[in-house]
Protein backbone atom coordinates (compact mmCIF):
# COMPACT_ATOMS: atom_id res chain seq x y z
CA MET A 1 -4.24 -1.79 16.39
CA SER A 2 -1.20 -3.08 14.52
CA LEU A 3 -1.74 -5.43 11.62
CA SER A 4 0.75 -8.04 10.39
CA VAL A 5 0.45 -8.87 6.70
CA ALA A 6 2.12 -11.03 4.06
CA ILE A 7 2.46 -9.42 0.63
CA TYR A 8 3.12 -11.33 -2.57
CA HIS A 9 3.81 -9.60 -5.87
CA LYS A 10 4.88 -11.19 -9.14
CA THR A 11 5.53 -9.65 -12.55
CA GLU A 12 6.41 -11.87 -15.51
CA TYR A 13 7.77 -10.75 -18.88
CA VAL A 14 7.45 -13.19 -21.79
CA TYR A 15 9.40 -12.47 -25.01
CA ASP A 16 8.69 -14.02 -28.43
CA ARG A 17 12.32 -15.02 -28.81
CA LYS A 18 15.56 -15.08 -26.86
CA VAL A 19 16.91 -11.58 -26.29
CA PHE A 20 19.78 -9.91 -24.51
CA LEU A 21 18.89 -7.45 -21.76
CA SER A 22 20.68 -4.31 -20.69
CA PRO A 23 21.47 -4.01 -16.98
CA HIS A 24 18.09 -3.71 -15.26
CA LEU A 25 17.24 -1.66 -12.17
CA PHE A 26 14.47 -2.90 -9.89
CA ARG A 27 12.86 -0.61 -7.30
CA LEU A 28 10.90 -3.16 -5.31
CA ARG A 29 12.30 -2.86 -1.78
CA PRO A 30 10.37 -0.64 0.66
CA ALA A 31 12.01 2.73 1.26
CA ALA A 32 13.72 3.50 4.55
CA HIS A 33 11.08 6.07 5.52
CA ALA A 34 8.12 3.69 5.13
CA HIS A 35 5.81 3.77 8.15
CA ALA A 36 5.31 0.02 7.84
CA VAL A 37 7.81 -2.15 9.72
CA ILE A 38 9.33 -4.61 7.25
CA ASN A 39 9.89 -7.87 9.12
CA SER A 40 11.11 -10.01 6.23
CA TYR A 41 11.79 -9.43 2.55
CA GLN A 42 12.79 -11.53 -0.44
CA LEU A 43 13.21 -10.59 -4.11
CA THR A 44 13.58 -13.50 -6.54
CA ILE A 45 14.57 -12.82 -10.15
CA LEU A 46 14.39 -15.59 -12.76
CA PRO A 47 16.05 -16.97 -14.78
CA PRO A 48 19.02 -17.32 -12.40
CA SER A 49 21.58 -16.41 -15.09
CA HIS A 50 22.23 -12.97 -13.64
CA TYR A 51 24.31 -11.10 -11.11
CA ILE A 52 22.49 -8.88 -8.63
CA HIS A 53 23.89 -5.97 -6.62
CA TRP A 54 21.96 -3.88 -4.12
CA GLN A 55 22.64 -0.14 -4.02
CA GLN A 56 21.04 3.18 -3.12
CA ASP A 57 20.35 5.89 -5.67
CA LEU A 58 20.89 9.65 -5.32
CA PHE A 59 17.62 9.93 -3.40
CA GLY A 60 18.21 7.12 -0.91
CA ASN A 61 15.97 4.55 -2.60
CA PHE A 62 17.01 0.89 -2.57
CA ILE A 63 17.77 -0.48 -6.04
CA ALA A 64 18.60 -4.01 -7.16
CA ARG A 65 20.77 -3.94 -10.28
CA ALA A 66 20.67 -7.17 -12.31
CA ASP A 67 23.18 -7.95 -15.07
CA PHE A 68 22.10 -10.88 -17.25
CA SER A 69 24.87 -13.07 -18.64
CA GLU A 70 22.98 -14.69 -21.54
CA ALA A 71 20.01 -14.28 -23.86
CA ILE A 72 16.66 -15.18 -22.26
CA ASN A 73 13.08 -15.63 -23.48
CA GLY A 74 11.44 -14.31 -20.34
CA MET A 75 11.97 -12.83 -16.89
CA SER A 76 10.00 -12.94 -13.65
CA LEU A 77 10.20 -10.79 -10.53
CA GLU A 78 8.75 -12.16 -7.32
CA VAL A 79 8.52 -10.19 -4.09
CA ARG A 80 7.55 -11.73 -0.76
CA LEU A 81 7.48 -9.52 2.30
CA ASP A 82 5.98 -9.57 5.76
CA ALA A 83 5.18 -6.22 7.28
CA THR A 84 3.56 -4.73 10.35
CA LEU A 85 1.19 -1.87 9.60
CA ASN A 86 1.04 0.42 12.63
CA PRO A 87 -1.79 2.95 12.61
CA TYR A 88 -0.49 6.49 12.68
CA ASN A 89 -1.93 9.96 12.70
CA PRO A 90 -0.81 11.75 9.51
CA PHE A 91 -1.20 15.08 11.34
CA ASP A 92 1.05 14.15 14.27
CA PHE A 93 3.75 16.81 13.85
CA LEU A 94 4.59 20.37 14.84
CA LEU A 95 5.39 22.78 12.04
CA ASP A 96 8.17 25.34 12.30
CA ASP A 97 6.63 28.68 13.17
CA PHE A 98 7.38 30.31 9.81
CA ALA A 99 5.67 27.40 7.98
CA ARG A 100 2.43 27.37 9.93
CA PHE A 101 0.60 29.45 7.33
CA PHE A 102 0.71 29.28 3.55
CA PRO A 103 2.34 30.85 1.63
CA PHE A 104 5.72 30.54 3.31
CA TYR A 105 9.29 30.45 2.01
CA TYR A 106 12.00 27.88 2.63
CA PRO A 107 15.10 29.15 4.46
CA SER A 108 17.96 29.99 2.10
CA ARG A 109 20.19 27.34 3.73
CA ILE A 110 17.98 24.50 2.37
CA GLN A 111 16.79 26.00 -0.91
CA SER A 112 19.68 24.51 -2.89
CA ASP A 113 19.05 21.10 -1.30
CA LEU A 114 15.43 21.24 -2.45
CA ALA A 115 16.18 22.57 -5.96
CA SER A 116 15.36 19.35 -7.81
CA TYR A 117 12.07 19.13 -5.89
CA THR A 118 10.95 22.63 -6.86
CA GLU A 119 11.71 22.33 -10.59
CA ILE A 120 8.64 23.10 -12.71
CA LEU A 121 8.45 20.68 -15.63
CA ASP A 122 4.86 21.10 -16.83
CA TRP A 123 3.30 24.29 -18.16
CA GLY A 124 0.06 25.23 -19.89
CA PRO A 125 -3.14 27.25 -19.59
CA ARG A 126 -5.06 24.55 -17.71
CA ILE A 127 -2.50 24.02 -14.98
CA THR A 128 -2.03 27.78 -14.73
CA ASP A 129 -5.76 28.14 -14.11
CA LEU A 130 -5.68 25.35 -11.52
CA VAL A 131 -2.75 26.96 -9.71
CA GLN A 132 -4.69 30.21 -9.51
CA LYS A 133 -7.58 28.35 -7.89
CA ALA A 134 -5.15 26.79 -5.45
CA ARG A 135 -3.73 30.18 -4.46
CA ALA A 136 -7.17 31.15 -3.24
CA LEU A 137 -6.94 28.40 -0.61
CA THR A 138 -4.43 30.31 1.55
CA GLY A 139 -4.64 29.81 5.29
CA ASP A 140 -3.01 27.50 7.80
CA THR A 141 -0.64 25.17 5.97
CA ILE A 142 -2.23 21.87 6.94
CA GLY A 143 -5.72 23.07 6.06
CA PHE A 144 -4.33 24.36 2.77
CA LEU A 145 -2.80 20.96 1.92
CA VAL A 146 -6.05 19.17 2.77
CA GLU A 147 -8.00 21.45 0.44
CA LEU A 148 -5.36 21.32 -2.29
CA ASN A 149 -5.44 17.52 -2.29
CA LYS A 150 -9.23 17.62 -2.56
CA LEU A 151 -8.97 20.12 -5.41
CA ILE A 152 -6.91 17.70 -7.50
CA TYR A 153 -9.17 14.80 -6.51
CA ASN A 154 -12.25 16.72 -7.67
CA HIS A 155 -10.63 17.66 -11.00
CA VAL A 156 -9.40 14.21 -12.05
CA GLY A 157 -11.43 11.02 -12.21
CA TYR A 158 -9.59 7.75 -11.71
CA ILE A 159 -9.04 5.28 -14.54
CA GLN A 160 -6.79 2.26 -14.99
CA ARG A 161 -4.53 3.25 -17.85
CA MET A 162 -2.42 0.47 -19.32
CA GLN A 163 -0.28 2.68 -21.58
CA ALA A 164 3.26 3.25 -20.35
CA GLY A 165 4.42 6.62 -19.10
CA ILE A 166 2.70 9.58 -17.52
CA GLN A 167 0.35 12.07 -19.08
CA THR A 168 1.27 15.72 -19.16
CA CYS A 169 -0.68 17.85 -16.72
CA GLU A 170 -2.49 19.47 -19.65
CA GLN A 171 -3.59 16.06 -20.96
CA THR A 172 -4.86 15.03 -17.54
CA LEU A 173 -6.77 18.26 -17.01
CA GLU A 174 -8.18 18.31 -20.54
CA SER A 175 -9.58 14.78 -20.25
CA GLY A 176 -10.44 15.07 -16.57
CA MET A 177 -9.26 11.47 -16.17
CA GLY A 178 -6.02 9.81 -15.18
CA ALA A 179 -4.32 6.89 -13.51
CA CYS A 180 -2.93 7.29 -10.00
CA ARG A 181 0.47 8.25 -11.44
CA ASP A 182 -1.12 10.99 -13.56
CA SER A 183 -2.95 12.52 -10.60
CA ALA A 184 0.18 12.25 -8.45
CA TRP A 185 2.31 14.04 -11.04
CA LEU A 186 -0.33 16.75 -11.48
CA LEU A 187 -0.33 17.37 -7.72
CA VAL A 188 3.48 17.44 -7.65
CA GLN A 189 3.58 20.05 -10.40
CA VAL A 190 0.82 22.20 -8.91
CA MET A 191 2.68 22.26 -5.59
CA ARG A 192 5.90 23.26 -7.34
CA HIS A 193 4.11 26.09 -9.14
CA LEU A 194 3.08 27.21 -5.64
CA GLY A 195 6.69 27.10 -4.42
CA LEU A 196 6.39 23.88 -2.43
CA ALA A 197 9.10 21.22 -2.68
CA SER A 198 7.43 18.00 -3.74
CA ARG A 199 8.33 14.57 -5.08
CA PHE A 200 6.73 11.63 -6.88
CA ALA A 201 6.25 8.46 -4.84
CA SER A 202 5.57 4.94 -6.07
CA GLY A 203 4.85 1.96 -3.88
CA TYR A 204 2.29 -0.52 -2.64
CA LEU A 205 -1.19 0.35 -1.40
CA VAL A 206 -2.54 -2.25 1.03
CA GLN A 207 -6.25 -2.23 1.83
CA PHE A 208 -8.56 -4.46 3.86
CA ILE A 209 -12.34 -4.24 4.22
CA GLY A 210 -13.63 -4.86 7.73
CA ASP A 211 -12.39 -8.06 9.35
CA ALA A 212 -11.50 -9.77 6.07
CA THR A 213 -8.27 -11.80 6.20
CA ILE A 214 -7.60 -11.33 2.47
CA GLY A 215 -7.16 -7.79 1.23
CA SER A 216 -5.94 -6.03 -1.90
CA VAL A 217 -2.47 -4.77 -2.74
CA ASP A 218 -1.56 -2.85 -5.87
CA LEU A 219 1.25 -0.73 -7.17
CA HIS A 220 0.22 2.86 -6.57
CA ALA A 221 1.54 6.41 -6.87
CA TRP A 222 1.10 9.54 -4.76
CA ALA A 223 2.83 12.86 -4.01
CA GLU A 224 4.93 13.94 -1.05
CA VAL A 225 5.55 17.54 0.00
CA PHE A 226 8.32 18.83 2.27
CA ILE A 227 7.05 21.04 5.10
CA PRO A 228 9.60 22.32 7.67
CA GLY A 229 8.87 20.76 11.04
CA ALA A 230 6.91 17.87 9.54
CA GLY A 231 9.31 16.57 6.90
CA TRP A 232 7.86 14.75 3.89
CA ILE A 233 4.06 14.47 3.99
CA GLY A 234 2.24 12.05 1.69
CA LEU A 235 -0.83 13.20 -0.25
CA ASP A 236 -2.88 10.70 -2.27
CA ALA A 237 -4.72 12.62 -4.96
CA THR A 238 -6.54 9.46 -6.09
CA SER A 239 -8.44 9.32 -2.79
CA GLY A 240 -8.16 12.99 -1.79
CA LEU A 241 -6.67 11.93 1.56
CA PHE A 242 -3.28 11.99 3.27
CA THR A 243 -1.36 8.74 3.02
CA SER A 244 -1.86 6.10 5.70
CA GLU A 245 -0.08 3.05 7.08
CA GLY A 246 -1.30 1.14 4.01
CA HIS A 247 0.95 3.21 1.72
CA ILE A 248 4.34 1.49 1.50
CA PRO A 249 6.75 3.59 -0.60
CA LEU A 250 9.26 1.84 -2.85
CA ALA A 251 10.84 4.91 -4.45
CA CYS A 252 10.48 8.68 -4.08
CA THR A 253 12.11 10.92 -6.69
CA PRO A 254 11.85 14.39 -8.26
CA ARG A 255 10.82 12.85 -11.61
CA PRO A 256 8.50 9.86 -12.18
CA ALA A 257 10.89 8.05 -14.55
CA ASP A 258 13.40 7.67 -11.71
CA ALA A 259 10.78 5.94 -9.54
CA ALA A 260 9.78 3.32 -12.13
CA VAL A 261 9.56 -0.20 -10.72
CA VAL A 262 11.69 -1.53 -13.59
CA THR A 263 14.21 0.32 -15.75
CA GLY A 264 16.02 -1.41 -18.61
CA THR A 265 15.91 -2.36 -22.29
CA THR A 266 15.93 -5.51 -24.41
CA ASP A 267 16.77 -6.42 -27.98
CA PRO A 268 13.82 -5.71 -30.33
CA CYS A 269 11.04 -8.23 -29.67
CA GLN A 270 7.35 -8.69 -28.93
CA SER A 271 6.58 -9.05 -25.23
CA ASN A 272 3.70 -9.72 -22.89
CA ILE A 273 3.50 -8.78 -19.22
CA TYR A 274 1.59 -10.72 -16.56
CA TYR A 275 0.97 -9.39 -13.07
CA GLN A 276 -0.42 -10.87 -9.86
CA SER A 277 -0.45 -9.76 -6.24
CA SER A 278 -2.03 -10.69 -2.94
CA VAL A 279 -2.02 -9.70 0.72
CA THR A 280 -3.22 -11.68 3.73
CA LYS A 281 -3.35 -11.02 7.44
CA LEU A 282 -0.86 -12.92 9.58
CA PRO A 283 -1.32 -14.14 13.15
CA ALA A 284 0.04 -11.76 15.76
CA GLY A 285 3.71 -12.35 16.57
CA ASN A 286 4.52 -13.94 13.21
CA ASN A 287 7.48 -11.62 12.60
CA GLN A 288 10.82 -12.76 11.21
CA ALA A 289 14.25 -11.18 11.09
CA LEU A 290 14.90 -8.96 8.08
CA PRO A 291 17.53 -10.60 5.86
CA LEU A 292 20.57 -8.61 4.83
CA PHE A 293 21.09 -7.43 1.25
């Protein structure tokens, strides 16, 4: 059954002195292709000494650009959104005949459109070995993707990694550990080595246990692969499963840096970051109109 939820997410940056900020880009509005129905949304940026403009990037993601007019000693981002999570079957699609079995090849008419999603950016002996193991999984395409996702899941243990950026695939495979973004990027690169167009996705992961009214919501990362007939299919290498209604994408891009929640720079300073989030179930019928940009 459908589930109405209220999500709250706040990130606060505290600087040791007043600094000037470059224009900042915030990717905190759910993407148009999210399965969740977004009933209301509000992004609040403090301090108020800024101008904000909503736009879409090259990949169709919503971006809020903020230009700050004076030096500040801190910044906070607060997201409030109400959403309806409708259960869906991740296998509810019909593949084009030529794509029913792997390997397959994309038609020439769309190869140029997918070029940025097939670019191989990570090389090394460990990923080469993993790709060879993946090639042995040939069969029907959906079964292949299920097993490929499990293969990555079984090779990489999950850790919370506070360092910025993403590990190379070789680093992830050598350590056998990685954050969700590391596993997602590894899966993206393995699929590209196999000739599959894939992209990096960042967003919220909403989870509830049983009948609890308070759940968990965290920023998360996963991979999406383009299969003719199905479109973009989400694969969560952290769980080894296909994405569900609890995955709410904020940005999907060929490269992880372009999906970062925040992009921007400050004058040299020391800074601390504080993060909090929550999600609660709402009574049925508690939907509101979605405000305009």
